[in-house]
Amino acid sequence: MRFYETMFVVKPTLTQEEITQKIDFYKVAILNNGGEISATLDMGMRNLAYEIKKNKRGYYFVIYFKAEPKLVLELERLYRINEEILRFIVIKYESKKEQKAWETLVDRAINNKKSAPLKEVEDKSQGA
């Protein structure tokens, strides 16, 4: 199994319940296709860097998972056919160094479940 991270942005016009359903849909898709979810990071509603499909905001969500490469193709297909997904990205961590960084990100996501903004978490990890 390989190490992956996926982040997607959901349209802000959906209700919280609909957003939760979209997130659960992608989690189930990963699990049903042989993937293993290690951690998730709910980043919430944020401003977009630029307007996408007349939206200035979006709901960001990150999933750290392990899977076979064929799962990534299916996941990308599901993102593309869903009109509520504004943007998505899937990142593969290949080298040992990258996999170590992935494990650090997973630990951070598990330990900080929105308890501290990212900047504070980085400061703490650097001993500041």
N, C-alpha and C. Protein backbone atom coordinates (compact mmCIF):
# COMPACT_ATOMS: atom_id res chain seq x y z
N MET A 1 0.84 -1.19 0.00
CA MET A 1 0.00 0.00 0.00
C MET A 1 0.88 1.25 0.00
N ARG A 2 0.39 2.26 -0.68
CA ARG A 2 1.13 3.52 -0.76
C ARG A 2 0.46 4.57 0.11
N PHE A 3 1.21 5.62 0.41
CA PHE A 3 0.73 6.69 1.28
C PHE A 3 0.20 7.84 0.43
N TYR A 4 -1.00 8.33 0.76
CA TYR A 4 -1.63 9.41 0.02
C TYR A 4 -2.27 10.44 0.94
N GLU A 5 -2.43 11.61 0.38
CA GLU A 5 -3.20 12.68 1.02
C GLU A 5 -4.11 13.25 -0.06
N THR A 6 -5.36 13.47 0.28
CA THR A 6 -6.26 14.13 -0.66
C THR A 6 -6.94 15.30 0.05
N MET A 7 -7.04 16.39 -0.66
CA MET A 7 -7.77 17.54 -0.15
C MET A 7 -8.79 17.93 -1.21
N PHE A 8 -10.00 18.23 -0.75
CA PHE A 8 -11.01 18.70 -1.69
C PHE A 8 -11.76 19.87 -1.09
N VAL A 9 -12.33 20.69 -1.99
CA VAL A 9 -13.06 21.89 -1.60
C VAL A 9 -14.50 21.72 -2.06
N VAL A 10 -15.43 21.81 -1.11
CA VAL A 10 -16.85 21.65 -1.38
C VAL A 10 -17.50 23.03 -1.51
N LYS A 11 -18.49 23.14 -2.38
CA LYS A 11 -19.21 24.40 -2.56
C LYS A 11 -19.75 24.91 -1.23
N PRO A 12 -19.67 26.21 -0.99
CA PRO A 12 -20.14 26.78 0.27
C PRO A 12 -21.66 26.90 0.34
N THR A 13 -22.36 26.69 -0.76
CA THR A 13 -23.81 26.86 -0.77
C THR A 13 -24.55 25.67 -0.16
N LEU A 14 -23.84 24.58 0.10
CA LEU A 14 -24.45 23.40 0.70
C LEU A 14 -24.65 23.61 2.20
N THR A 15 -25.65 22.92 2.76
CA THR A 15 -25.86 22.97 4.21
C THR A 15 -24.78 22.13 4.89
N GLN A 16 -24.64 22.29 6.18
CA GLN A 16 -23.64 21.51 6.92
C GLN A 16 -23.92 20.01 6.78
N GLU A 17 -25.18 19.64 6.79
CA GLU A 17 -25.55 18.23 6.64
C GLU A 17 -25.14 17.69 5.27
N GLU A 18 -25.35 18.47 4.23
CA GLU A 18 -24.97 18.05 2.88
C GLU A 18 -23.46 17.95 2.73
N ILE A 19 -22.74 18.88 3.36
CA ILE A 19 -21.27 18.83 3.33
C ILE A 19 -20.79 17.56 4.03
N THR A 20 -21.37 17.25 5.18
CA THR A 20 -21.01 16.03 5.92
C THR A 20 -21.28 14.79 5.08
N GLN A 21 -22.39 14.78 4.35
CA GLN A 21 -22.71 13.64 3.48
C GLN A 21 -21.67 13.48 2.37
N LYS A 22 -21.22 14.60 1.79
CA LYS A 22 -20.19 14.54 0.74
C LYS A 22 -18.88 13.97 1.30
N ILE A 23 -18.50 14.47 2.48
CA ILE A 23 -17.27 13.99 3.11
C ILE A 23 -17.37 12.50 3.40
N ASP A 24 -18.49 12.07 3.96
CA ASP A 24 -18.69 10.65 4.26
C ASP A 24 -18.68 9.80 2.98
N PHE A 25 -19.22 10.34 1.90
CA PHE A 25 -19.23 9.63 0.62
C PHE A 25 -17.81 9.29 0.19
N TYR A 26 -16.90 10.26 0.29
CA TYR A 26 -15.52 10.01 -0.14
C TYR A 26 -14.77 9.10 0.83
N LYS A 27 -15.08 9.20 2.11
CA LYS A 27 -14.47 8.27 3.08
C LYS A 27 -14.89 6.84 2.76
N VAL A 28 -16.18 6.64 2.51
CA VAL A 28 -16.70 5.30 2.18
C VAL A 28 -16.10 4.80 0.87
N ALA A 29 -15.95 5.69 -0.10
CA ALA A 29 -15.35 5.30 -1.38
C ALA A 29 -13.93 4.78 -1.18
N ILE A 30 -13.17 5.44 -0.31
CA ILE A 30 -11.80 4.99 -0.02
C ILE A 30 -11.82 3.62 0.65
N LEU A 31 -12.66 3.47 1.66
CA LEU A 31 -12.74 2.21 2.40
C LEU A 31 -13.26 1.07 1.53
N ASN A 32 -14.28 1.32 0.70
CA ASN A 32 -14.86 0.27 -0.15
C ASN A 32 -13.93 -0.19 -1.26
N ASN A 33 -12.95 0.62 -1.60
CA ASN A 33 -12.00 0.25 -2.66
C ASN A 33 -10.68 -0.24 -2.10
N GLY A 34 -10.69 -0.69 -0.84
CA GLY A 34 -9.50 -1.30 -0.26
C GLY A 34 -8.54 -0.34 0.41
N GLY A 35 -8.92 0.91 0.57
CA GLY A 35 -8.06 1.89 1.23
C GLY A 35 -8.19 1.84 2.74
N GLU A 36 -7.27 2.49 3.40
CA GLU A 36 -7.24 2.54 4.86
C GLU A 36 -7.03 3.99 5.27
N ILE A 37 -8.04 4.60 5.91
CA ILE A 37 -7.95 5.99 6.32
C ILE A 37 -7.18 6.07 7.63
N SER A 38 -6.11 6.88 7.64
CA SER A 38 -5.28 7.04 8.84
C SER A 38 -5.71 8.24 9.66
N ALA A 39 -6.13 9.31 9.00
CA ALA A 39 -6.56 10.51 9.72
C ALA A 39 -7.32 11.42 8.77
N THR A 40 -8.11 12.32 9.35
CA THR A 40 -8.80 13.34 8.57
C THR A 40 -8.57 14.69 9.23
N LEU A 41 -8.67 15.72 8.44
CA LEU A 41 -8.49 17.08 8.94
C LEU A 41 -9.60 17.95 8.35
N ASP A 42 -10.51 18.40 9.21
CA ASP A 42 -11.61 19.25 8.79
C ASP A 42 -11.14 20.70 8.93
N MET A 43 -10.85 21.34 7.80
CA MET A 43 -10.33 22.71 7.82
C MET A 43 -11.44 23.75 7.80
N GLY A 44 -12.67 23.34 7.52
CA GLY A 44 -13.81 24.23 7.57
C GLY A 44 -13.91 25.18 6.40
N MET A 45 -14.79 26.16 6.56
CA MET A 45 -15.05 27.14 5.52
C MET A 45 -13.93 28.17 5.49
N ARG A 46 -13.39 28.41 4.29
CA ARG A 46 -12.29 29.35 4.11
C ARG A 46 -12.48 30.14 2.82
N ASN A 47 -11.82 31.28 2.76
CA ASN A 47 -11.81 32.06 1.52
C ASN A 47 -10.92 31.36 0.50
N LEU A 48 -11.35 31.39 -0.76
CA LEU A 48 -10.54 30.83 -1.84
C LEU A 48 -9.52 31.88 -2.29
N ALA A 49 -8.42 31.43 -2.83
CA ALA A 49 -7.40 32.34 -3.33
C ALA A 49 -7.93 33.13 -4.53
N TYR A 50 -8.83 32.52 -5.28
CA TYR A 50 -9.45 33.17 -6.43
C TYR A 50 -10.84 32.57 -6.60
N GLU A 51 -11.69 33.27 -7.28
CA GLU A 51 -13.06 32.83 -7.48
C GLU A 51 -13.11 31.59 -8.38
N ILE A 52 -13.88 30.59 -7.95
CA ILE A 52 -14.05 29.36 -8.73
C ILE A 52 -15.55 29.15 -8.92
N LYS A 53 -15.99 29.11 -10.16
CA LYS A 53 -17.41 28.90 -10.49
C LYS A 53 -18.31 29.85 -9.69
N LYS A 54 -17.90 31.11 -9.63
CA LYS A 54 -18.62 32.18 -8.94
C LYS A 54 -18.68 32.01 -7.41
N ASN A 55 -17.79 31.20 -6.86
CA ASN A 55 -17.71 31.02 -5.41
C ASN A 55 -16.43 31.67 -4.89
N LYS A 56 -16.56 32.41 -3.79
CA LYS A 56 -15.41 33.05 -3.18
C LYS A 56 -14.95 32.32 -1.93
N ARG A 57 -15.76 31.38 -1.48
CA ARG A 57 -15.43 30.59 -0.29
C ARG A 57 -15.61 29.11 -0.62
N GLY A 58 -15.06 28.25 0.22
CA GLY A 58 -15.22 26.82 0.05
C GLY A 58 -14.97 26.10 1.34
N TYR A 59 -15.48 24.88 1.45
CA TYR A 59 -15.29 24.06 2.64
C TYR A 59 -14.17 23.07 2.35
N TYR A 60 -13.08 23.19 3.09
CA TYR A 60 -11.88 22.37 2.87
C TYR A 60 -11.88 21.14 3.77
N PHE A 61 -11.49 20.00 3.20
CA PHE A 61 -11.39 18.76 3.98
C PHE A 61 -10.21 17.95 3.45
N VAL A 62 -9.43 17.36 4.38
CA VAL A 62 -8.24 16.58 4.03
C VAL A 62 -8.38 15.16 4.58
N ILE A 63 -7.99 14.17 3.77
CA ILE A 63 -7.98 12.78 4.21
C ILE A 63 -6.59 12.21 3.95
N TYR A 64 -5.98 11.63 4.98
CA TYR A 64 -4.71 10.92 4.86
C TYR A 64 -5.04 9.44 4.82
N PHE A 65 -4.58 8.74 3.77
CA PHE A 65 -4.94 7.34 3.63
C PHE A 65 -3.83 6.53 2.96
N LYS A 66 -3.95 5.20 3.11
CA LYS A 66 -3.06 4.25 2.45
C LYS A 66 -3.93 3.45 1.48
N ALA A 67 -3.39 3.23 0.27
CA ALA A 67 -4.17 2.51 -0.73
C ALA A 67 -3.29 2.06 -1.88
N GLU A 68 -3.90 1.25 -2.73
CA GLU A 68 -3.26 0.84 -3.97
C GLU A 68 -3.52 1.94 -5.02
N PRO A 69 -2.66 2.06 -6.02
CA PRO A 69 -2.80 3.13 -7.02
C PRO A 69 -4.14 3.16 -7.75
N LYS A 70 -4.78 2.01 -7.96
CA LYS A 70 -6.05 1.98 -8.69
C LYS A 70 -7.14 2.75 -7.95
N LEU A 71 -7.04 2.83 -6.62
CA LEU A 71 -8.02 3.58 -5.84
C LEU A 71 -7.97 5.06 -6.18
N VAL A 72 -6.78 5.59 -6.42
CA VAL A 72 -6.62 7.01 -6.72
C VAL A 72 -7.36 7.36 -8.02
N LEU A 73 -7.29 6.48 -9.01
CA LEU A 73 -8.01 6.71 -10.26
C LEU A 73 -9.52 6.79 -10.03
N GLU A 74 -10.04 5.89 -9.21
CA GLU A 74 -11.47 5.89 -8.90
C GLU A 74 -11.85 7.14 -8.10
N LEU A 75 -11.02 7.52 -7.15
CA LEU A 75 -11.29 8.70 -6.33
C LEU A 75 -11.33 9.96 -7.20
N GLU A 76 -10.37 10.10 -8.09
CA GLU A 76 -10.34 11.25 -9.00
C GLU A 76 -11.56 11.26 -9.92
N ARG A 77 -11.99 10.10 -10.37
CA ARG A 77 -13.19 10.01 -11.21
C ARG A 77 -14.41 10.50 -10.43
N LEU A 78 -14.52 10.09 -9.17
CA LEU A 78 -15.65 10.51 -8.34
C LEU A 78 -15.63 12.02 -8.08
N TYR A 79 -14.44 12.58 -7.89
CA TYR A 79 -14.34 14.03 -7.72
C TYR A 79 -14.82 14.76 -8.98
N ARG A 80 -14.39 14.28 -10.13
CA ARG A 80 -14.69 14.96 -11.40
C ARG A 80 -16.18 14.97 -11.74
N ILE A 81 -16.90 13.91 -11.39
CA ILE A 81 -18.32 13.83 -11.76
C ILE A 81 -19.23 14.51 -10.74
N ASN A 82 -18.67 14.99 -9.64
CA ASN A 82 -19.47 15.63 -8.60
C ASN A 82 -19.42 17.15 -8.77
N GLU A 83 -20.55 17.75 -9.05
CA GLU A 83 -20.59 19.19 -9.30
C GLU A 83 -20.39 20.03 -8.04
N GLU A 84 -20.55 19.43 -6.86
CA GLU A 84 -20.37 20.17 -5.61
C GLU A 84 -18.90 20.30 -5.20
N ILE A 85 -18.01 19.59 -5.88
CA ILE A 85 -16.59 19.68 -5.57
C ILE A 85 -15.97 20.75 -6.47
N LEU A 86 -15.45 21.81 -5.85
CA LEU A 86 -14.86 22.91 -6.62
C LEU A 86 -13.45 22.56 -7.10
N ARG A 87 -12.64 22.00 -6.22
CA ARG A 87 -11.26 21.61 -6.54
C ARG A 87 -10.88 20.40 -5.70
N PHE A 88 -9.90 19.65 -6.21
CA PHE A 88 -9.37 18.52 -5.45
C PHE A 88 -7.91 18.30 -5.83
N ILE A 89 -7.22 17.60 -4.96
CA ILE A 89 -5.84 17.20 -5.24
C ILE A 89 -5.57 15.90 -4.49
N VAL A 90 -4.79 15.03 -5.11
CA VAL A 90 -4.33 13.80 -4.47
C VAL A 90 -2.81 13.81 -4.54
N ILE A 91 -2.16 13.66 -3.40
CA ILE A 91 -0.70 13.70 -3.33
C ILE A 91 -0.20 12.33 -2.89
N LYS A 92 0.81 11.81 -3.61
CA LYS A 92 1.41 10.52 -3.26
C LYS A 92 2.75 10.78 -2.57
N TYR A 93 2.97 10.11 -1.46
CA TYR A 93 4.24 10.21 -0.72
C TYR A 93 5.03 8.95 -1.02
N GLU A 94 6.12 9.10 -1.80
CA GLU A 94 6.86 7.93 -2.28
C GLU A 94 8.08 7.56 -1.45
N SER A 95 9.02 8.48 -1.31
CA SER A 95 10.28 8.16 -0.64
C SER A 95 10.09 7.98 0.86
N LYS A 96 11.08 7.40 1.50
CA LYS A 96 11.04 7.21 2.96
C LYS A 96 10.91 8.55 3.68
N LYS A 97 11.60 9.55 3.17
CA LYS A 97 11.54 10.88 3.78
C LYS A 97 10.13 11.46 3.66
N GLU A 98 9.51 11.30 2.50
CA GLU A 98 8.14 11.78 2.30
C GLU A 98 7.16 11.02 3.18
N GLN A 99 7.38 9.70 3.31
CA GLN A 99 6.49 8.89 4.15
C GLN A 99 6.60 9.29 5.62
N LYS A 100 7.79 9.65 6.05
CA LYS A 100 7.99 10.15 7.42
C LYS A 100 7.24 11.46 7.61
N ALA A 101 7.28 12.34 6.62
CA ALA A 101 6.54 13.60 6.67
C ALA A 101 5.03 13.33 6.72
N TRP A 102 4.58 12.33 5.95
CA TRP A 102 3.17 11.95 5.95
C TRP A 102 2.75 11.49 7.34
N GLU A 103 3.58 10.69 7.99
CA GLU A 103 3.27 10.22 9.34
C GLU A 103 3.20 11.38 10.33
N THR A 104 4.06 12.37 10.16
CA THR A 104 4.03 13.57 11.01
C THR A 104 2.72 14.32 10.80
N LEU A 105 2.29 14.46 9.55
CA LEU A 105 1.03 15.14 9.26
C LEU A 105 -0.16 14.38 9.85
N VAL A 106 -0.12 13.07 9.77
CA VAL A 106 -1.19 12.24 10.34
C VAL A 106 -1.24 12.43 11.85
N ASP A 107 -0.09 12.38 12.51
CA ASP A 107 -0.04 12.58 13.96
C ASP A 107 -0.58 13.95 14.34
N ARG A 108 -0.21 14.96 13.58
CA ARG A 108 -0.67 16.33 13.84
C ARG A 108 -2.19 16.41 13.68
N ALA A 109 -2.72 15.77 12.64
CA ALA A 109 -4.17 15.80 12.40
C ALA A 109 -4.92 15.08 13.52
N ILE A 110 -4.37 13.97 13.99
CA ILE A 110 -5.03 13.20 15.06
C ILE A 110 -4.99 13.97 16.38
N ASN A 111 -3.84 14.56 16.69
CA ASN A 111 -3.66 15.21 17.99
C ASN A 111 -4.29 16.59 18.10
N ASN A 112 -4.57 17.23 16.98
CA ASN A 112 -5.00 18.62 17.05
C ASN A 112 -6.39 18.90 16.53
N LYS A 113 -7.15 17.95 16.15
CA LYS A 113 -8.54 18.09 15.70
C LYS A 113 -9.16 19.47 15.91
N LYS A 114 -8.67 20.43 15.17
CA LYS A 114 -9.15 21.82 15.19
C LYS A 114 -8.97 22.50 16.54
N SER A 115 -8.12 21.95 17.40
CA SER A 115 -7.92 22.56 18.71
C SER A 115 -7.02 23.79 18.62
N ALA A 116 -6.17 23.85 17.59
CA ALA A 116 -5.28 24.99 17.44
C ALA A 116 -5.12 25.31 15.95
N PRO A 117 -5.07 26.58 15.61
CA PRO A 117 -4.81 26.94 14.22
C PRO A 117 -3.45 26.40 13.77
N LEU A 118 -3.29 26.19 12.49
CA LEU A 118 -2.07 25.59 11.93
C LEU A 118 -0.82 26.35 12.34
N LYS A 119 -0.85 27.66 12.36
CA LYS A 119 0.32 28.47 12.71
C LYS A 119 0.79 28.13 14.14
N GLU A 120 -0.16 28.03 15.07
CA GLU A 120 0.20 27.69 16.45
C GLU A 120 0.81 26.30 16.54
N VAL A 121 0.27 25.36 15.77
CA VAL A 121 0.78 24.00 15.78
C VAL A 121 2.22 23.97 15.27
N GLU A 122 2.51 24.73 14.20
CA GLU A 122 3.87 24.78 13.66
C GLU A 122 4.81 25.38 14.67
N ASP A 123 4.39 26.44 15.36
CA ASP A 123 5.25 27.07 16.37
C ASP A 123 5.58 26.10 17.49
N LYS A 124 4.59 25.33 17.94
CA LYS A 124 4.80 24.37 19.01
C LYS A 124 5.78 23.27 18.60
N SER A 125 5.63 22.80 17.34
CA SER A 125 6.49 21.71 16.87
C SER A 125 7.94 22.15 16.71
N GLN A 126 8.15 23.46 16.56
CA GLN A 126 9.51 23.97 16.41
C GLN A 126 10.08 24.46 17.73
N GLY A 127 9.33 24.27 18.81
CA GLY A 127 9.82 24.62 20.13
C GLY A 127 9.76 26.10 20.45
N ALA A 128 8.94 26.86 19.74
CA ALA A 128 8.85 28.30 19.98
C ALA A 128 7.89 28.62 21.09
